[in-house]
Amino acid sequence: MVWKLDALVEYRQLEIDEIGDRKQGTLLGVDLQLGPNIAVGVGYNFTDFNDRLTTLDYESKGWFLNLNGRLVIALASSSTESYWR
């Protein structure tokens, strides 16, 4: 089995015009592909806000754990496959 690493670099910016607030920063992460459909990763959020825009406490800086999966569903009937083409 070959293990694959993926790197993540993200620039984030949040502007709230009503109160004249603007925040920005970066997020870095690394994911390890454990199989064809699953990956686990770790990263650090250098911004003080998160992607949940209803949470404006500005205390989201720090480490995070990432778990990614993919669900693959195969259709069994050939008549169903021709319907979706």
N, C-alpha and C. Protein backbone atom coordinates (compact mmCIF):
# COMPACT_ATOMS: atom_id res chain seq x y z
N MET A 1 0.84 -1.19 0.00
CA MET A 1 0.00 0.00 0.00
C MET A 1 0.88 1.25 0.00
N VAL A 2 0.57 2.18 -0.86
CA VAL A 2 1.29 3.44 -0.94
C VAL A 2 0.52 4.50 -0.16
N TRP A 3 1.20 5.17 0.74
CA TRP A 3 0.59 6.23 1.53
C TRP A 3 0.83 7.55 0.83
N LYS A 4 -0.20 8.34 0.73
CA LYS A 4 -0.12 9.61 0.02
C LYS A 4 -0.40 10.76 0.97
N LEU A 5 0.42 11.79 0.90
CA LEU A 5 0.23 12.99 1.71
C LEU A 5 -0.31 14.12 0.84
N ASP A 6 -1.27 14.85 1.36
CA ASP A 6 -1.81 16.03 0.70
C ASP A 6 -1.62 17.22 1.63
N ALA A 7 -1.19 18.34 1.08
CA ALA A 7 -1.00 19.56 1.87
C ALA A 7 -2.14 20.54 1.58
N LEU A 8 -2.49 21.31 2.59
CA LEU A 8 -3.57 22.28 2.49
C LEU A 8 -3.07 23.63 2.96
N VAL A 9 -3.24 24.65 2.12
CA VAL A 9 -2.97 26.03 2.48
C VAL A 9 -4.21 26.82 2.10
N GLU A 10 -4.76 27.53 3.07
CA GLU A 10 -6.01 28.26 2.83
C GLU A 10 -5.88 29.68 3.37
N TYR A 11 -6.28 30.65 2.56
CA TYR A 11 -6.33 32.05 2.99
C TYR A 11 -7.79 32.37 3.31
N ARG A 12 -8.03 32.97 4.46
CA ARG A 12 -9.40 33.29 4.87
C ARG A 12 -9.52 34.78 5.14
N GLN A 13 -10.70 35.31 4.77
CA GLN A 13 -10.98 36.71 5.05
C GLN A 13 -12.45 36.83 5.43
N LEU A 14 -12.73 37.57 6.48
CA LEU A 14 -14.08 37.79 6.96
C LEU A 14 -14.30 39.28 7.11
N GLU A 15 -15.32 39.81 6.43
CA GLU A 15 -15.68 41.22 6.54
C GLU A 15 -17.12 41.33 7.03
N ILE A 16 -17.33 42.16 8.03
CA ILE A 16 -18.67 42.45 8.51
C ILE A 16 -18.87 43.95 8.35
N ASP A 17 -19.56 44.33 7.28
CA ASP A 17 -19.72 45.74 6.94
C ASP A 17 -20.52 46.52 7.97
N GLU A 18 -21.50 45.87 8.59
CA GLU A 18 -22.38 46.56 9.54
C GLU A 18 -21.63 47.14 10.73
N ILE A 19 -20.57 46.47 11.15
CA ILE A 19 -19.81 46.97 12.30
C ILE A 19 -18.39 47.39 11.91
N GLY A 20 -18.09 47.35 10.62
CA GLY A 20 -16.78 47.77 10.14
C GLY A 20 -15.64 46.88 10.58
N ASP A 21 -15.89 45.59 10.68
CA ASP A 21 -14.89 44.63 11.15
C ASP A 21 -14.33 43.83 9.98
N ARG A 22 -13.02 43.59 10.00
CA ARG A 22 -12.37 42.80 8.95
C ARG A 22 -11.28 41.95 9.59
N LYS A 23 -11.34 40.65 9.35
CA LYS A 23 -10.35 39.71 9.88
C LYS A 23 -9.79 38.91 8.71
N GLN A 24 -8.53 38.50 8.80
CA GLN A 24 -7.92 37.66 7.77
C GLN A 24 -6.82 36.82 8.36
N GLY A 25 -6.45 35.76 7.65
CA GLY A 25 -5.38 34.89 8.12
C GLY A 25 -5.27 33.64 7.26
N THR A 26 -4.48 32.70 7.72
CA THR A 26 -4.24 31.48 6.96
C THR A 26 -4.52 30.24 7.82
N LEU A 27 -4.66 29.15 7.11
CA LEU A 27 -4.88 27.84 7.71
C LEU A 27 -3.98 26.86 6.97
N LEU A 28 -3.25 26.01 7.69
CA LEU A 28 -2.36 25.02 7.09
C LEU A 28 -2.74 23.63 7.59
N GLY A 29 -2.61 22.64 6.70
CA GLY A 29 -2.92 21.28 7.11
C GLY A 29 -2.23 20.24 6.25
N VAL A 30 -2.17 19.02 6.77
CA VAL A 30 -1.61 17.87 6.05
C VAL A 30 -2.55 16.70 6.24
N ASP A 31 -2.92 16.03 5.14
CA ASP A 31 -3.78 14.85 5.18
C ASP A 31 -2.99 13.63 4.74
N LEU A 32 -3.22 12.50 5.40
CA LEU A 32 -2.63 11.22 5.04
C LEU A 32 -3.72 10.33 4.48
N GLN A 33 -3.56 9.90 3.24
CA GLN A 33 -4.52 9.02 2.57
C GLN A 33 -4.32 7.60 3.11
N LEU A 34 -5.30 7.09 3.86
CA LEU A 34 -5.19 5.76 4.46
C LEU A 34 -5.68 4.66 3.54
N GLY A 35 -6.47 4.99 2.57
CA GLY A 35 -7.02 4.05 1.61
C GLY A 35 -7.64 4.82 0.47
N PRO A 36 -8.27 4.13 -0.47
CA PRO A 36 -8.84 4.83 -1.61
C PRO A 36 -10.00 5.74 -1.23
N ASN A 37 -10.62 5.52 -0.07
CA ASN A 37 -11.81 6.30 0.28
C ASN A 37 -11.75 6.96 1.65
N ILE A 38 -10.59 7.01 2.28
CA ILE A 38 -10.50 7.62 3.61
C ILE A 38 -9.15 8.30 3.81
N ALA A 39 -9.20 9.45 4.48
CA ALA A 39 -8.00 10.20 4.79
C ALA A 39 -8.16 10.85 6.17
N VAL A 40 -7.06 11.00 6.87
CA VAL A 40 -7.05 11.66 8.17
C VAL A 40 -5.96 12.72 8.13
N GLY A 41 -6.23 13.84 8.77
CA GLY A 41 -5.26 14.92 8.72
C GLY A 41 -5.26 15.76 9.97
N VAL A 42 -4.27 16.64 10.03
CA VAL A 42 -4.12 17.56 11.14
C VAL A 42 -3.69 18.90 10.56
N GLY A 43 -4.06 19.97 11.25
CA GLY A 43 -3.69 21.29 10.77
C GLY A 43 -3.76 22.33 11.86
N TYR A 44 -3.42 23.56 11.49
CA TYR A 44 -3.45 24.67 12.44
C TYR A 44 -4.14 25.86 11.79
N ASN A 45 -5.09 26.44 12.51
CA ASN A 45 -5.83 27.61 12.07
C ASN A 45 -5.16 28.85 12.68
N PHE A 46 -4.52 29.67 11.85
CA PHE A 46 -3.85 30.87 12.33
C PHE A 46 -4.80 32.06 12.44
N THR A 47 -6.03 31.92 11.94
CA THR A 47 -7.01 32.99 12.09
C THR A 47 -7.69 32.86 13.44
N ASP A 48 -8.38 33.90 13.86
CA ASP A 48 -9.11 33.82 15.12
C ASP A 48 -10.62 33.69 14.91
N PHE A 49 -11.03 33.36 13.68
CA PHE A 49 -12.44 33.08 13.41
C PHE A 49 -12.53 31.75 12.69
N ASN A 50 -13.71 31.12 12.75
CA ASN A 50 -13.87 29.83 12.08
C ASN A 50 -14.83 29.95 10.91
N ASP A 51 -15.05 28.84 10.21
CA ASP A 51 -15.92 28.87 9.03
C ASP A 51 -17.40 28.77 9.38
N ARG A 52 -17.72 28.69 10.65
CA ARG A 52 -19.11 28.75 11.11
C ARG A 52 -19.42 30.22 11.35
N LEU A 53 -20.00 30.87 10.37
CA LEU A 53 -20.10 32.33 10.38
C LEU A 53 -21.05 32.88 11.43
N THR A 54 -21.83 32.03 12.08
CA THR A 54 -22.70 32.50 13.15
C THR A 54 -21.97 32.58 14.48
N THR A 55 -20.75 32.05 14.55
CA THR A 55 -19.95 32.09 15.77
C THR A 55 -18.93 33.21 15.63
N LEU A 56 -19.18 34.34 16.27
CA LEU A 56 -18.30 35.50 16.13
C LEU A 56 -17.56 35.82 17.43
N ASP A 57 -17.14 34.79 18.14
CA ASP A 57 -16.42 35.03 19.39
C ASP A 57 -14.92 35.25 19.16
N TYR A 58 -14.42 35.01 17.96
CA TYR A 58 -13.03 35.23 17.58
C TYR A 58 -12.05 34.50 18.50
N GLU A 59 -12.37 33.25 18.83
CA GLU A 59 -11.48 32.43 19.66
C GLU A 59 -11.25 31.06 19.02
N SER A 60 -11.14 31.01 17.71
CA SER A 60 -11.05 29.73 17.00
C SER A 60 -9.64 29.36 16.58
N LYS A 61 -8.66 30.09 16.98
CA LYS A 61 -7.27 29.80 16.61
C LYS A 61 -6.83 28.49 17.24
N GLY A 62 -6.08 27.68 16.50
CA GLY A 62 -5.52 26.48 17.09
C GLY A 62 -5.53 25.27 16.19
N TRP A 63 -5.25 24.12 16.78
CA TRP A 63 -5.12 22.85 16.08
C TRP A 63 -6.49 22.27 15.75
N PHE A 64 -6.55 21.48 14.67
CA PHE A 64 -7.77 20.77 14.32
C PHE A 64 -7.42 19.41 13.73
N LEU A 65 -8.36 18.48 13.83
CA LEU A 65 -8.24 17.14 13.27
C LEU A 65 -9.25 17.02 12.14
N ASN A 66 -8.84 16.45 11.03
CA ASN A 66 -9.67 16.34 9.84
C ASN A 66 -9.85 14.86 9.50
N LEU A 67 -11.07 14.44 9.25
CA LEU A 67 -11.36 13.08 8.80
C LEU A 67 -12.23 13.17 7.56
N ASN A 68 -11.73 12.66 6.44
CA ASN A 68 -12.45 12.71 5.17
C ASN A 68 -12.74 11.31 4.68
N GLY A 69 -13.96 11.10 4.21
CA GLY A 69 -14.34 9.81 3.66
C GLY A 69 -15.18 10.00 2.41
N ARG A 70 -15.24 8.95 1.62
CA ARG A 70 -16.03 8.99 0.39
C ARG A 70 -16.85 7.72 0.33
N LEU A 71 -18.14 7.88 0.04
CA LEU A 71 -19.06 6.76 -0.09
C LEU A 71 -19.32 6.54 -1.57
N VAL A 72 -19.03 5.33 -2.04
CA VAL A 72 -19.24 4.99 -3.44
C VAL A 72 -20.36 3.97 -3.52
N ILE A 73 -21.41 4.31 -4.27
CA ILE A 73 -22.56 3.42 -4.43
C ILE A 73 -22.61 2.97 -5.89
N ALA A 74 -22.55 1.67 -6.11
CA ALA A 74 -22.62 1.12 -7.47
C ALA A 74 -24.06 0.67 -7.73
N LEU A 75 -24.58 1.02 -8.88
CA LEU A 75 -25.91 0.60 -9.27
C LEU A 75 -25.85 -0.81 -9.84
N ALA A 76 -26.72 -1.69 -9.37
CA ALA A 76 -26.65 -3.10 -9.76
C ALA A 76 -27.34 -3.38 -11.09
N SER A 77 -28.37 -2.66 -11.42
CA SER A 77 -29.15 -2.98 -12.62
C SER A 77 -28.65 -2.19 -13.83
N SER A 78 -28.50 -2.88 -14.96
CA SER A 78 -28.06 -2.20 -16.18
C SER A 78 -29.16 -1.32 -16.73
N SER A 79 -30.44 -1.65 -16.48
CA SER A 79 -31.53 -0.80 -16.95
C SER A 79 -31.52 0.53 -16.21
N THR A 80 -31.12 0.53 -14.96
CA THR A 80 -31.04 1.77 -14.19
C THR A 80 -29.91 2.62 -14.71
N GLU A 81 -28.78 1.99 -15.09
CA GLU A 81 -27.66 2.74 -15.65
C GLU A 81 -28.03 3.42 -16.94
N SER A 82 -28.78 2.77 -17.80
CA SER A 82 -29.15 3.39 -19.07
C SER A 82 -30.15 4.52 -18.85
N TYR A 83 -30.92 4.47 -17.77
CA TYR A 83 -31.86 5.54 -17.46
C TYR A 83 -31.13 6.84 -17.15
N TRP A 84 -29.98 6.76 -16.47
CA TRP A 84 -29.26 7.95 -16.03
C TRP A 84 -28.28 8.50 -17.07
N ARG A 85 -28.16 7.88 -18.22
CA ARG A 85 -27.23 8.40 -19.24
C ARG A 85 -27.82 9.52 -20.02
